[in-house]
Amino acid sequence: MTTFELTPVGVGARVDLGVEVRPAASGACCSPLVTEPMDAARADRLAASFKALADPTRLRLLSIVAKSEGEEACVCDLIEPVGLSQPTVSHHLKILTTAGFLERSKRGTWAYYRLVPGALDRMSQLLADA
């Protein structure tokens, strides 16, 4: 069985997934994920975030970026570790950027990616409290 651990990354901007986490009532077996039913728009945003993380290549890319010097990586340095072509790696990075997990900066002909501070905090909290 493969397990993945999402660890909070620094403090700063947070991705608002529109889900409120509350502690369990005394005697309850577990904490409810939400205090009220989610509307369709919030469910779509949350599902998109989980979908962005639900790919092994994207999880690897996040971990490589997080462990890179200065917590930033050039797309050119991400191709070989995942063993995919540059367009495919760029596609995965675009999905992670759109979902709010990475931010992109362009330098010359290359794009550099870094984790959005606090972006994984909310996802990690939801998973820990589920």
N, C-alpha and C. Protein backbone atom coordinates (compact mmCIF):
# COMPACT_ATOMS: atom_id res chain seq x y z
N MET A 1 0.85 -1.18 0.00
CA MET A 1 0.00 0.00 0.00
C MET A 1 0.89 1.24 0.00
N THR A 2 0.64 2.16 -0.88
CA THR A 2 1.39 3.40 -0.96
C THR A 2 0.63 4.48 -0.22
N THR A 3 1.34 5.24 0.61
CA THR A 3 0.71 6.34 1.31
C THR A 3 1.43 7.62 0.95
N PHE A 4 0.70 8.71 0.92
CA PHE A 4 1.25 10.01 0.63
C PHE A 4 0.93 10.90 1.81
N GLU A 5 1.91 11.70 2.21
CA GLU A 5 1.68 12.61 3.32
C GLU A 5 1.73 14.04 2.80
N LEU A 6 0.69 14.80 3.07
CA LEU A 6 0.65 16.21 2.71
C LEU A 6 1.04 16.98 3.95
N THR A 7 2.15 17.68 3.88
CA THR A 7 2.58 18.45 5.03
C THR A 7 2.42 19.92 4.75
N PRO A 8 2.02 20.69 5.77
CA PRO A 8 1.87 22.13 5.58
C PRO A 8 3.19 22.74 5.14
N VAL A 9 3.12 23.74 4.30
CA VAL A 9 4.30 24.39 3.76
C VAL A 9 4.27 25.86 4.14
N GLY A 10 4.95 26.21 5.21
CA GLY A 10 5.06 27.61 5.60
C GLY A 10 3.74 28.26 5.96
N VAL A 11 3.80 29.55 6.13
CA VAL A 11 2.60 30.32 6.42
C VAL A 11 2.42 31.36 5.35
N GLY A 12 1.24 31.80 5.14
CA GLY A 12 1.00 32.81 4.12
C GLY A 12 -0.37 32.64 3.52
N ALA A 13 -0.46 32.84 2.22
CA ALA A 13 -1.75 32.77 1.53
C ALA A 13 -2.33 31.36 1.66
N ARG A 14 -3.62 31.28 1.80
CA ARG A 14 -4.31 30.01 1.92
C ARG A 14 -5.27 29.85 0.76
N VAL A 15 -5.46 28.62 0.35
CA VAL A 15 -6.45 28.32 -0.66
C VAL A 15 -7.77 28.11 0.06
N ASP A 16 -8.78 28.91 -0.24
CA ASP A 16 -10.07 28.78 0.40
C ASP A 16 -10.89 27.76 -0.37
N LEU A 17 -11.07 26.60 0.25
CA LEU A 17 -11.83 25.54 -0.38
C LEU A 17 -13.30 25.61 -0.01
N GLY A 18 -13.67 26.58 0.82
CA GLY A 18 -15.06 26.77 1.17
C GLY A 18 -15.63 25.68 2.06
N VAL A 19 -14.78 25.03 2.85
CA VAL A 19 -15.24 23.99 3.74
C VAL A 19 -14.81 24.36 5.15
N GLU A 20 -15.77 24.35 6.06
CA GLU A 20 -15.47 24.68 7.44
C GLU A 20 -15.31 23.38 8.22
N VAL A 21 -14.21 23.25 8.95
CA VAL A 21 -13.96 22.06 9.76
C VAL A 21 -14.31 22.40 11.20
N ARG A 22 -15.03 21.50 11.86
CA ARG A 22 -15.37 21.74 13.25
C ARG A 22 -15.03 20.51 14.07
N PRO A 23 -14.76 20.68 15.37
CA PRO A 23 -14.42 19.53 16.21
C PRO A 23 -15.63 18.64 16.44
N ALA A 24 -15.35 17.38 16.78
CA ALA A 24 -16.42 16.43 17.02
C ALA A 24 -17.14 16.75 18.32
N ALA A 25 -18.43 16.48 18.34
CA ALA A 25 -19.19 16.61 19.57
C ALA A 25 -18.73 15.51 20.51
N SER A 26 -18.84 15.75 21.82
CA SER A 26 -18.37 14.75 22.77
C SER A 26 -19.14 13.45 22.56
N GLY A 27 -18.40 12.36 22.59
CA GLY A 27 -19.00 11.05 22.40
C GLY A 27 -19.10 10.63 20.94
N ALA A 28 -18.81 11.52 20.00
CA ALA A 28 -18.88 11.17 18.59
C ALA A 28 -17.65 10.35 18.22
N CYS A 29 -17.82 9.48 17.25
CA CYS A 29 -16.71 8.62 16.85
C CYS A 29 -15.69 9.34 15.98
N CYS A 30 -16.11 10.36 15.29
CA CYS A 30 -15.19 11.08 14.41
C CYS A 30 -15.73 12.47 14.13
N SER A 31 -14.85 13.33 13.62
CA SER A 31 -15.23 14.70 13.31
C SER A 31 -15.96 14.78 11.99
N PRO A 32 -17.09 15.49 11.93
CA PRO A 32 -17.73 15.69 10.62
C PRO A 32 -16.88 16.62 9.79
N LEU A 33 -16.89 16.42 8.50
CA LEU A 33 -16.07 17.23 7.60
C LEU A 33 -16.61 18.64 7.43
N VAL A 34 -17.89 18.79 7.48
CA VAL A 34 -18.49 20.10 7.28
C VAL A 34 -19.58 20.35 8.30
N THR A 35 -19.90 21.61 8.51
CA THR A 35 -20.96 21.97 9.44
C THR A 35 -22.30 22.09 8.75
N GLU A 36 -22.30 22.20 7.43
CA GLU A 36 -23.53 22.27 6.65
C GLU A 36 -23.25 21.72 5.27
N PRO A 37 -24.29 21.31 4.56
CA PRO A 37 -24.06 20.76 3.21
C PRO A 37 -23.37 21.78 2.30
N MET A 38 -22.50 21.28 1.47
CA MET A 38 -21.74 22.10 0.54
C MET A 38 -22.57 22.43 -0.68
N ASP A 39 -22.45 23.66 -1.18
CA ASP A 39 -23.15 23.99 -2.42
C ASP A 39 -22.33 23.45 -3.60
N ALA A 40 -22.92 23.44 -4.77
CA ALA A 40 -22.28 22.84 -5.95
C ALA A 40 -20.97 23.52 -6.32
N ALA A 41 -20.92 24.84 -6.22
CA ALA A 41 -19.69 25.56 -6.59
C ALA A 41 -18.53 25.19 -5.66
N ARG A 42 -18.81 25.12 -4.37
CA ARG A 42 -17.76 24.74 -3.42
C ARG A 42 -17.32 23.30 -3.64
N ALA A 43 -18.27 22.42 -3.89
CA ALA A 43 -17.92 21.03 -4.15
C ALA A 43 -17.06 20.91 -5.41
N ASP A 44 -17.37 21.69 -6.43
CA ASP A 44 -16.57 21.68 -7.66
C ASP A 44 -15.13 22.13 -7.38
N ARG A 45 -14.97 23.22 -6.59
CA ARG A 45 -13.62 23.71 -6.27
C ARG A 45 -12.84 22.68 -5.47
N LEU A 46 -13.48 22.08 -4.48
CA LEU A 46 -12.81 21.08 -3.65
C LEU A 46 -12.44 19.86 -4.48
N ALA A 47 -13.35 19.40 -5.32
CA ALA A 47 -13.07 18.24 -6.18
C ALA A 47 -11.92 18.53 -7.14
N ALA A 48 -11.86 19.74 -7.68
CA ALA A 48 -10.76 20.11 -8.58
C ALA A 48 -9.43 20.08 -7.84
N SER A 49 -9.42 20.53 -6.60
CA SER A 49 -8.18 20.50 -5.81
C SER A 49 -7.73 19.07 -5.55
N PHE A 50 -8.67 18.22 -5.13
CA PHE A 50 -8.32 16.82 -4.91
C PHE A 50 -7.91 16.14 -6.21
N LYS A 51 -8.58 16.46 -7.29
CA LYS A 51 -8.25 15.86 -8.58
C LYS A 51 -6.83 16.24 -9.00
N ALA A 52 -6.45 17.49 -8.75
CA ALA A 52 -5.10 17.93 -9.09
C ALA A 52 -4.05 17.14 -8.31
N LEU A 53 -4.37 16.74 -7.09
CA LEU A 53 -3.43 15.99 -6.27
C LEU A 53 -3.54 14.48 -6.47
N ALA A 54 -4.56 14.03 -7.19
CA ALA A 54 -4.83 12.60 -7.32
C ALA A 54 -4.06 11.94 -8.45
N ASP A 55 -2.92 12.47 -8.78
CA ASP A 55 -2.10 11.92 -9.84
C ASP A 55 -0.69 11.70 -9.28
N PRO A 56 -0.13 10.51 -9.41
CA PRO A 56 1.21 10.24 -8.86
C PRO A 56 2.29 11.17 -9.40
N THR A 57 2.22 11.51 -10.68
CA THR A 57 3.23 12.41 -11.25
C THR A 57 3.14 13.78 -10.61
N ARG A 58 1.93 14.28 -10.40
CA ARG A 58 1.77 15.60 -9.79
C ARG A 58 2.24 15.60 -8.34
N LEU A 59 1.97 14.53 -7.63
CA LEU A 59 2.48 14.44 -6.25
C LEU A 59 4.00 14.44 -6.24
N ARG A 60 4.61 13.72 -7.18
CA ARG A 60 6.07 13.71 -7.27
C ARG A 60 6.60 15.10 -7.61
N LEU A 61 5.95 15.77 -8.56
CA LEU A 61 6.39 17.12 -8.93
C LEU A 61 6.32 18.06 -7.74
N LEU A 62 5.23 18.00 -6.96
CA LEU A 62 5.13 18.84 -5.76
C LEU A 62 6.27 18.56 -4.79
N SER A 63 6.56 17.28 -4.58
CA SER A 63 7.62 16.94 -3.63
C SER A 63 9.00 17.35 -4.14
N ILE A 64 9.22 17.24 -5.44
CA ILE A 64 10.51 17.66 -6.01
C ILE A 64 10.67 19.18 -5.87
N VAL A 65 9.63 19.93 -6.18
CA VAL A 65 9.69 21.39 -6.05
C VAL A 65 9.94 21.76 -4.60
N ALA A 66 9.23 21.12 -3.67
CA ALA A 66 9.37 21.44 -2.24
C ALA A 66 10.78 21.16 -1.72
N LYS A 67 11.43 20.14 -2.26
CA LYS A 67 12.77 19.75 -1.79
C LYS A 67 13.89 20.37 -2.62
N SER A 68 13.55 21.16 -3.62
CA SER A 68 14.57 21.81 -4.44
C SER A 68 15.22 22.96 -3.68
N GLU A 69 16.42 23.31 -4.11
CA GLU A 69 17.13 24.42 -3.49
C GLU A 69 16.29 25.68 -3.60
N GLY A 70 16.07 26.33 -2.48
CA GLY A 70 15.25 27.53 -2.45
C GLY A 70 13.77 27.24 -2.62
N GLU A 71 13.39 25.96 -2.52
CA GLU A 71 12.00 25.53 -2.70
C GLU A 71 11.42 26.02 -4.02
N GLU A 72 12.28 26.03 -5.04
CA GLU A 72 11.90 26.48 -6.38
C GLU A 72 12.61 25.60 -7.39
N ALA A 73 11.92 25.27 -8.48
CA ALA A 73 12.54 24.41 -9.50
C ALA A 73 12.18 24.89 -10.89
N CYS A 74 13.16 24.79 -11.77
CA CYS A 74 12.95 25.10 -13.18
C CYS A 74 12.29 23.89 -13.83
N VAL A 75 11.40 24.13 -14.76
CA VAL A 75 10.76 23.02 -15.45
C VAL A 75 11.81 22.13 -16.10
N CYS A 76 12.93 22.70 -16.51
CA CYS A 76 13.99 21.91 -17.14
C CYS A 76 14.59 20.88 -16.17
N ASP A 77 14.50 21.15 -14.87
CA ASP A 77 15.02 20.23 -13.86
C ASP A 77 13.99 19.19 -13.42
N LEU A 78 12.77 19.31 -13.88
CA LEU A 78 11.70 18.40 -13.46
C LEU A 78 11.43 17.30 -14.47
N ILE A 79 11.97 17.43 -15.66
CA ILE A 79 11.69 16.48 -16.74
C ILE A 79 12.32 15.12 -16.46
N GLU A 80 13.61 15.10 -16.19
CA GLU A 80 14.32 13.84 -15.99
C GLU A 80 13.82 13.04 -14.77
N PRO A 81 13.62 13.67 -13.61
CA PRO A 81 13.19 12.89 -12.45
C PRO A 81 11.86 12.15 -12.63
N VAL A 82 10.94 12.71 -13.40
CA VAL A 82 9.66 12.03 -13.60
C VAL A 82 9.62 11.20 -14.88
N GLY A 83 10.64 11.37 -15.73
CA GLY A 83 10.75 10.55 -16.93
C GLY A 83 9.68 10.80 -17.98
N LEU A 84 9.23 12.06 -18.06
CA LEU A 84 8.22 12.43 -19.04
C LEU A 84 8.75 13.55 -19.92
N SER A 85 8.08 13.78 -21.04
CA SER A 85 8.51 14.84 -21.95
C SER A 85 8.21 16.21 -21.34
N GLN A 86 8.87 17.23 -21.86
CA GLN A 86 8.68 18.59 -21.36
C GLN A 86 7.23 19.05 -21.50
N PRO A 87 6.56 18.80 -22.64
CA PRO A 87 5.15 19.22 -22.73
C PRO A 87 4.24 18.54 -21.70
N THR A 88 4.50 17.27 -21.43
CA THR A 88 3.69 16.55 -20.44
C THR A 88 3.93 17.09 -19.03
N VAL A 89 5.19 17.33 -18.69
CA VAL A 89 5.52 17.91 -17.37
C VAL A 89 4.88 19.29 -17.25
N SER A 90 4.97 20.09 -18.30
CA SER A 90 4.37 21.43 -18.27
C SER A 90 2.85 21.35 -18.09
N HIS A 91 2.22 20.36 -18.69
CA HIS A 91 0.78 20.15 -18.53
C HIS A 91 0.44 19.88 -17.05
N HIS A 92 1.19 18.98 -16.42
CA HIS A 92 0.95 18.67 -15.01
C HIS A 92 1.20 19.90 -14.13
N LEU A 93 2.23 20.65 -14.44
CA LEU A 93 2.53 21.86 -13.66
C LEU A 93 1.43 22.90 -13.83
N LYS A 94 0.86 22.99 -15.02
CA LYS A 94 -0.23 23.93 -15.25
C LYS A 94 -1.45 23.56 -14.41
N ILE A 95 -1.75 22.28 -14.32
CA ILE A 95 -2.87 21.82 -13.49
C ILE A 95 -2.64 22.18 -12.03
N LEU A 96 -1.42 21.95 -11.54
CA LEU A 96 -1.10 22.28 -10.15
C LEU A 96 -1.13 23.79 -9.90
N THR A 97 -0.74 24.56 -10.90
CA THR A 97 -0.78 26.02 -10.79
C THR A 97 -2.22 26.52 -10.79
N THR A 98 -3.03 26.00 -11.68
CA THR A 98 -4.44 26.39 -11.76
C THR A 98 -5.18 26.04 -10.46
N ALA A 99 -4.81 24.92 -9.86
CA ALA A 99 -5.44 24.48 -8.61
C ALA A 99 -4.94 25.28 -7.40
N GLY A 100 -3.92 26.11 -7.60
CA GLY A 100 -3.44 26.97 -6.53
C GLY A 100 -2.34 26.38 -5.67
N PHE A 101 -1.73 25.29 -6.10
CA PHE A 101 -0.66 24.68 -5.31
C PHE A 101 0.72 25.21 -5.67
N LEU A 102 0.90 25.65 -6.91
CA LEU A 102 2.19 26.18 -7.36
C LEU A 102 1.99 27.57 -7.94
N GLU A 103 3.07 28.35 -7.90
CA GLU A 103 3.07 29.62 -8.61
C GLU A 103 4.23 29.57 -9.59
N ARG A 104 4.07 30.29 -10.70
CA ARG A 104 5.01 30.22 -11.82
C ARG A 104 5.62 31.59 -12.07
N SER A 105 6.93 31.58 -12.35
CA SER A 105 7.58 32.81 -12.79
C SER A 105 8.43 32.45 -14.01
N LYS A 106 8.49 33.36 -14.94
CA LYS A 106 9.21 33.12 -16.19
C LYS A 106 10.53 33.87 -16.14
N ARG A 107 11.62 33.18 -16.47
CA ARG A 107 12.95 33.78 -16.56
C ARG A 107 13.58 33.33 -17.86
N GLY A 108 13.68 34.25 -18.77
CA GLY A 108 14.20 33.89 -20.09
C GLY A 108 13.23 32.95 -20.77
N THR A 109 13.75 31.80 -21.21
CA THR A 109 12.88 30.85 -21.90
C THR A 109 12.30 29.79 -20.96
N TRP A 110 12.74 29.78 -19.70
CA TRP A 110 12.30 28.75 -18.76
C TRP A 110 11.32 29.28 -17.74
N ALA A 111 10.47 28.39 -17.28
CA ALA A 111 9.52 28.71 -16.21
C ALA A 111 10.01 28.06 -14.92
N TYR A 112 9.88 28.79 -13.83
CA TYR A 112 10.26 28.30 -12.51
C TYR A 112 9.01 28.19 -11.65
N TYR A 113 8.95 27.13 -10.85
CA TYR A 113 7.78 26.86 -10.03
C TYR A 113 8.18 26.78 -8.56
N ARG A 114 7.28 27.29 -7.73
CA ARG A 114 7.46 27.18 -6.28
C ARG A 114 6.11 26.93 -5.66
N LEU A 115 6.11 26.31 -4.48
CA LEU A 115 4.86 26.06 -3.77
C LEU A 115 4.26 27.37 -3.30
N VAL A 116 2.96 27.49 -3.38
CA VAL A 116 2.25 28.64 -2.83
C VAL A 116 2.25 28.44 -1.31
N PRO A 117 2.81 29.40 -0.56
CA PRO A 117 2.85 29.23 0.90
C PRO A 117 1.45 28.97 1.47
N GLY A 118 1.33 27.90 2.24
CA GLY A 118 0.07 27.57 2.90
C GLY A 118 -0.96 26.86 2.03
N ALA A 119 -0.65 26.63 0.75
CA ALA A 119 -1.65 26.05 -0.15
C ALA A 119 -2.06 24.64 0.26
N LEU A 120 -1.15 23.89 0.82
CA LEU A 120 -1.47 22.53 1.22
C LEU A 120 -2.03 22.44 2.63
N ASP A 121 -1.97 23.53 3.38
CA ASP A 121 -2.47 23.52 4.76
C ASP A 121 -3.92 23.09 4.85
N ARG A 122 -4.77 23.69 4.05
CA ARG A 122 -6.20 23.41 4.12
C ARG A 122 -6.49 21.96 3.72
N MET A 123 -5.84 21.49 2.66
CA MET A 123 -6.04 20.10 2.22
C MET A 123 -5.57 19.14 3.31
N SER A 124 -4.42 19.44 3.89
CA SER A 124 -3.89 18.59 4.95
C SER A 124 -4.83 18.56 6.14
N GLN A 125 -5.38 19.70 6.51
CA GLN A 125 -6.31 19.77 7.64
C GLN A 125 -7.58 18.98 7.35
N LEU A 126 -8.12 19.09 6.15
CA LEU A 126 -9.32 18.34 5.78
C LEU A 126 -9.07 16.83 5.88
N LEU A 127 -7.91 16.39 5.38
CA LEU A 127 -7.60 14.97 5.40
C LEU A 127 -7.34 14.48 6.82
N ALA A 128 -6.69 15.28 7.63
CA ALA A 128 -6.39 14.89 9.01
C ALA A 128 -7.67 14.79 9.84
N ASP A 129 -8.64 15.67 9.59
CA ASP A 129 -9.87 15.70 10.37
C ASP A 129 -10.95 14.77 9.84
N ALA A 130 -10.73 14.21 8.65
CA ALA A 130 -11.77 13.35 8.06
C ALA A 130 -11.91 12.04 8.81
